[in-house]
Amino acid sequence: MPKLVLVPTPIGNLEDITLRSIRYLKSCDIIFAEDTRVTKKLLHHLEIDKRVFPFHAHNEHKTLDGVIKQVQQAEMAVLVSDAGTPAISDPGFLLVRACLEHQIEVECLPGPVAFIPALVASGFPCDRFCFEGFLPHKKGRQTKLQELSIEERTIILYESPHRLVKCLEQLVAFFGAERKVCVARELTKMFEEYVRGTADEVLSHFQKNEPRGEIVVVIEGAPKPEKITGNKYKQ
């Protein structure tokens, strides 16, 4: 019976790949990758020689039927992203959904994902959080920010370095200058950095220091609204 396995790959430090992930990469019949060049570098590092085919945001709808046929012909197919767990902010979920519709077994290995270490190290509550991935670039962006401005859970976003300053400016405008923010940059890599402070303070930092690398933005949840009891306001 064919099976698709989602194999997380390191978000930076190659030591973060699990022994189980290496075993699956070695034993699978075929690998689908977000960027075949990135995956081949990882496979070369691990001394694994496998066929790698593309499955990314530019071809997923056109090639989905063909990929399903390839998975059906394999005993075990593997899906990887450039970094982290497949289907998190990438089109991998489309392949997972299609496999399930075709009664193909799907398995996901535990492993690296960028937003978890960023959340835990932010200092904000981790018991309840809201992961939004990448915000819309244009249409719907302001509406989404307005919705999130009253979200009481800790909020997690992915952002590109060339849009980070604009994102922080919008956080100041929609969330308020005093809302606490943590920007995690280049996680697990040599220049890993956490910048914590108010939205205004973090914005000022990155206006003076050009942001680079992979970025996770963690935002303190909105304060809970005051409840009215009798003629007095209570938290």
Protein backbone atom coordinates (compact mmCIF):
# COMPACT_ATOMS: atom_id res chain seq x y z
CA MET A 1 0.00 0.00 0.00
CA PRO A 2 1.51 3.40 -0.97
CA LYS A 3 2.29 5.94 1.72
CA LEU A 4 3.28 9.61 1.83
CA VAL A 5 5.58 10.65 4.68
CA LEU A 6 6.13 14.29 5.61
CA VAL A 7 9.73 14.63 6.77
CA PRO A 8 10.76 17.84 8.59
CA THR A 9 14.17 19.23 7.66
CA PRO A 10 16.45 21.58 9.65
CA ILE A 11 15.53 25.26 9.67
CA GLY A 12 19.22 26.13 9.81
CA ASN A 13 21.45 23.91 11.90
CA LEU A 14 21.84 20.57 10.11
CA GLU A 15 22.31 18.80 13.45
CA ASP A 16 18.60 19.25 14.11
CA ILE A 17 17.51 16.51 11.71
CA THR A 18 16.33 13.41 13.54
CA LEU A 19 17.68 9.90 13.13
CA ARG A 20 14.23 8.76 12.09
CA SER A 21 14.03 11.43 9.37
CA ILE A 22 17.39 10.28 8.00
CA ARG A 23 16.18 6.68 7.96
CA TYR A 24 13.04 7.61 6.01
CA LEU A 25 15.01 9.69 3.51
CA LYS A 26 17.32 6.72 2.94
CA SER A 27 14.56 4.12 2.59
CA CYS A 28 11.94 6.01 0.53
CA ASP A 29 11.38 5.47 -3.18
CA ILE A 30 10.94 9.09 -4.21
CA ILE A 31 11.23 12.59 -2.69
CA PHE A 32 9.13 15.65 -3.49
CA ALA A 33 10.70 18.97 -2.55
CA GLU A 34 9.82 22.66 -2.40
CA ASP A 35 13.20 23.49 -3.99
CA THR A 36 15.10 20.52 -5.39
CA ARG A 37 18.41 22.40 -5.17
CA VAL A 38 18.05 22.98 -1.43
CA THR A 39 17.00 19.38 -0.80
CA LYS A 40 19.85 17.97 -2.88
CA LYS A 41 22.34 19.92 -0.75
CA LEU A 42 20.85 18.34 2.38
CA LEU A 43 20.89 14.88 0.82
CA HIS A 44 24.50 15.35 -0.25
CA HIS A 45 25.40 16.32 3.32
CA LEU A 46 23.66 13.16 4.57
CA GLU A 47 25.29 11.07 1.80
CA ILE A 48 21.89 10.03 0.42
CA ASP A 49 21.30 9.50 -3.28
CA LYS A 50 17.60 9.70 -4.20
CA ARG A 51 15.41 10.99 -7.01
CA VAL A 52 14.02 14.43 -6.13
CA PHE A 53 11.06 16.02 -7.92
CA PRO A 54 9.63 19.54 -7.45
CA PHE A 55 6.38 20.29 -5.65
CA HIS A 56 6.15 23.99 -4.86
CA ALA A 57 3.86 27.02 -4.91
CA HIS A 58 4.33 27.60 -8.65
CA ASN A 59 3.34 24.16 -9.88
CA GLU A 60 1.22 22.42 -7.25
CA HIS A 61 -2.17 22.72 -8.98
CA LYS A 62 -0.86 21.81 -12.44
CA THR A 63 1.16 18.80 -11.31
CA LEU A 64 -0.98 17.45 -8.46
CA ASP A 65 -2.56 14.64 -10.50
CA GLY A 66 0.83 13.55 -11.81
CA VAL A 67 2.35 13.60 -8.32
CA ILE A 68 -0.51 11.47 -6.98
CA LYS A 69 0.16 8.89 -9.69
CA GLN A 70 3.85 8.82 -8.73
CA VAL A 71 2.95 8.37 -5.05
CA GLN A 72 0.56 5.54 -5.92
CA GLN A 73 3.33 3.74 -7.78
CA ALA A 74 5.77 4.03 -4.88
CA GLU A 75 5.82 2.03 -1.68
CA MET A 76 6.88 5.13 0.23
CA ALA A 77 7.12 8.71 -1.03
CA VAL A 78 8.55 11.57 1.04
CA LEU A 79 7.60 15.25 1.02
CA VAL A 80 10.03 17.85 2.36
CA SER A 81 10.06 21.65 2.42
CA ASP A 82 13.13 23.87 2.18
CA ALA A 83 13.22 24.09 5.96
CA GLY A 84 10.98 22.90 8.76
CA THR A 85 7.83 20.81 8.62
CA PRO A 86 6.10 20.42 5.23
CA ALA A 87 2.61 21.95 4.82
CA ILE A 88 3.34 24.75 7.34
CA SER A 89 3.04 27.91 5.22
CA ASP A 90 3.76 25.98 2.02
CA PRO A 91 1.54 24.11 -0.47
CA GLY A 92 2.26 20.69 1.04
CA PHE A 93 -1.22 20.56 2.54
CA LEU A 94 -2.65 20.25 -1.00
CA LEU A 95 -0.72 17.02 -1.54
CA VAL A 96 -1.72 15.71 1.88
CA ARG A 97 -5.38 16.41 1.16
CA ALA A 98 -5.18 14.82 -2.28
CA CYS A 99 -3.49 11.71 -0.87
CA LEU A 100 -6.22 11.30 1.73
CA GLU A 101 -8.88 11.69 -0.97
CA HIS A 102 -7.18 8.86 -2.89
CA GLN A 103 -7.00 6.64 0.24
CA ILE A 104 -3.20 6.98 0.41
CA GLU A 105 -1.78 6.68 3.90
CA VAL A 106 -0.19 9.87 5.24
CA GLU A 107 2.35 10.01 8.05
CA CYS A 108 4.06 13.10 9.49
CA LEU A 109 7.29 12.82 11.47
CA PRO A 110 7.94 15.21 14.36
CA GLY A 111 10.76 17.66 13.88
CA PRO A 112 11.87 21.25 13.30
CA VAL A 113 9.40 24.10 12.83
CA ALA A 114 10.44 27.74 13.20
CA PHE A 115 7.55 29.20 15.16
CA ILE A 116 7.79 26.90 18.21
CA PRO A 117 11.27 27.99 19.44
CA ALA A 118 10.37 31.60 18.61
CA LEU A 119 7.18 31.34 20.70
CA VAL A 120 8.81 29.62 23.66
CA ALA A 121 11.77 32.05 23.79
CA SER A 122 9.59 35.14 23.33
CA GLY A 123 8.54 35.21 26.96
CA PHE A 124 4.87 35.49 26.02
CA PRO A 125 2.24 32.96 27.18
CA CYS A 126 2.51 29.67 25.30
CA ASP A 127 -0.61 27.93 26.60
CA ARG A 128 -2.80 29.52 23.91
CA PHE A 129 -1.50 31.01 20.69
CA CYS A 130 -2.61 31.95 17.18
CA PHE A 131 -0.35 31.06 14.23
CA GLU A 132 -1.13 33.16 11.15
CA GLY A 133 1.86 32.36 8.94
CA PHE A 134 2.44 35.04 6.29
CA LEU A 135 -0.08 37.89 6.26
CA PRO A 136 -1.66 38.83 2.92
CA HIS A 137 0.69 41.14 1.02
CA LYS A 138 -2.01 43.54 -0.16
CA LYS A 139 -5.68 42.58 -0.38
CA GLY A 140 -7.10 41.83 3.05
CA ARG A 141 -3.93 42.74 4.97
CA GLN A 142 -5.39 45.70 6.88
CA THR A 143 -8.58 43.77 7.64
CA LYS A 144 -6.53 40.90 9.04
CA LEU A 145 -4.40 43.24 11.16
CA GLN A 146 -7.56 44.87 12.53
CA GLU A 147 -8.92 41.43 13.48
CA LEU A 148 -5.66 40.38 15.13
CA SER A 149 -5.35 43.64 17.09
CA ILE A 150 -8.04 42.37 19.51
CA GLU A 151 -6.83 38.75 19.58
CA GLU A 152 -6.14 37.81 23.22
CA ARG A 153 -3.89 34.86 22.44
CA THR A 154 -0.19 35.22 21.62
CA ILE A 155 0.11 35.82 17.86
CA ILE A 156 2.80 34.36 15.60
CA LEU A 157 3.62 35.59 12.10
CA TYR A 158 6.19 34.73 9.46
CA GLU A 159 7.70 37.70 7.64
CA SER A 160 10.34 38.34 5.00
CA PRO A 161 13.26 40.66 5.84
CA HIS A 162 12.39 43.25 3.18
CA ARG A 163 8.82 43.58 4.56
CA LEU A 164 9.65 43.47 8.28
CA VAL A 165 9.89 47.22 8.85
CA LYS A 166 6.55 47.78 7.09
CA CYS A 167 5.03 45.00 9.22
CA LEU A 168 6.30 46.60 12.44
CA GLU A 169 5.02 50.01 11.34
CA GLN A 170 1.59 48.46 10.85
CA LEU A 171 1.77 46.75 14.25
CA VAL A 172 2.40 50.15 15.83
CA ALA A 173 -0.56 51.60 13.91
CA PHE A 174 -3.05 48.78 14.52
CA PHE A 175 -1.86 47.26 17.85
CA GLY A 176 -0.41 50.35 19.52
CA ALA A 177 3.18 51.44 20.11
CA GLU A 178 3.29 49.82 23.56
CA ARG A 179 2.22 46.30 22.52
CA LYS A 180 5.06 43.89 23.32
CA VAL A 181 6.74 42.20 20.34
CA CYS A 182 9.55 39.70 19.86
CA VAL A 183 11.29 39.29 16.50
CA ALA A 184 13.23 36.04 16.19
CA ARG A 185 15.75 35.99 13.36
CA GLU A 186 17.93 33.27 11.83
CA LEU A 187 16.86 30.63 14.34
CA THR A 188 19.39 27.82 14.98
CA LYS A 189 21.96 29.56 12.74
CA MET A 190 25.21 31.33 13.59
CA PHE A 191 23.63 34.80 13.78
CA GLU A 192 20.48 33.82 15.69
CA GLU A 193 18.93 36.88 17.28
CA TYR A 194 15.93 37.81 19.43
CA VAL A 195 14.83 41.44 19.57
CA ARG A 196 12.27 42.03 22.32
CA GLY A 197 10.46 45.17 23.40
CA THR A 198 7.47 47.33 22.57
CA ALA A 199 6.38 47.49 18.95
CA ASP A 200 7.86 50.99 18.75
CA GLU A 201 11.19 49.88 20.24
CA VAL A 202 11.52 46.87 17.95
CA LEU A 203 10.58 49.02 14.94
CA SER A 204 13.28 51.54 15.89
CA HIS A 205 15.86 48.74 16.13
CA PHE A 206 15.19 47.43 12.65
CA GLN A 207 14.98 50.91 11.14
CA LYS A 208 18.61 51.27 12.26
CA ASN A 209 19.69 47.67 11.62
CA GLU A 210 18.76 46.11 8.29
CA PRO A 211 16.87 42.86 8.93
CA ARG A 212 18.21 39.73 7.25
CA GLY A 213 17.42 36.05 7.13
CA GLU A 214 14.35 34.05 8.10
CA ILE A 215 12.08 35.92 10.52
CA VAL A 216 9.35 35.02 13.01
CA VAL A 217 7.33 37.80 14.67
CA VAL A 218 5.69 36.99 18.01
CA ILE A 219 3.16 39.47 19.41
CA GLU A 220 1.72 39.72 22.89
CA GLY A 221 -2.02 39.09 22.95
CA ALA A 222 -4.43 41.97 23.51
CA PRO A 223 -5.38 42.68 27.12
CA LYS A 224 -8.66 41.11 28.18
CA PRO A 225 -11.57 43.56 28.12
CA GLU A 226 -12.73 44.84 31.47
CA LYS A 227 -15.92 43.31 32.81
CA ILE A 228 -18.64 45.43 34.36
CA THR A 229 -19.83 44.29 37.80
CA GLY A 230 -22.49 46.59 39.30
CA ASN A 231 -21.19 50.15 38.92
CA LYS A 232 -17.53 49.16 38.97
CA TYR A 233 -15.13 47.86 36.35
CA LYS A 234 -13.19 44.71 37.17
CA GLN A 235 -10.47 42.81 35.32
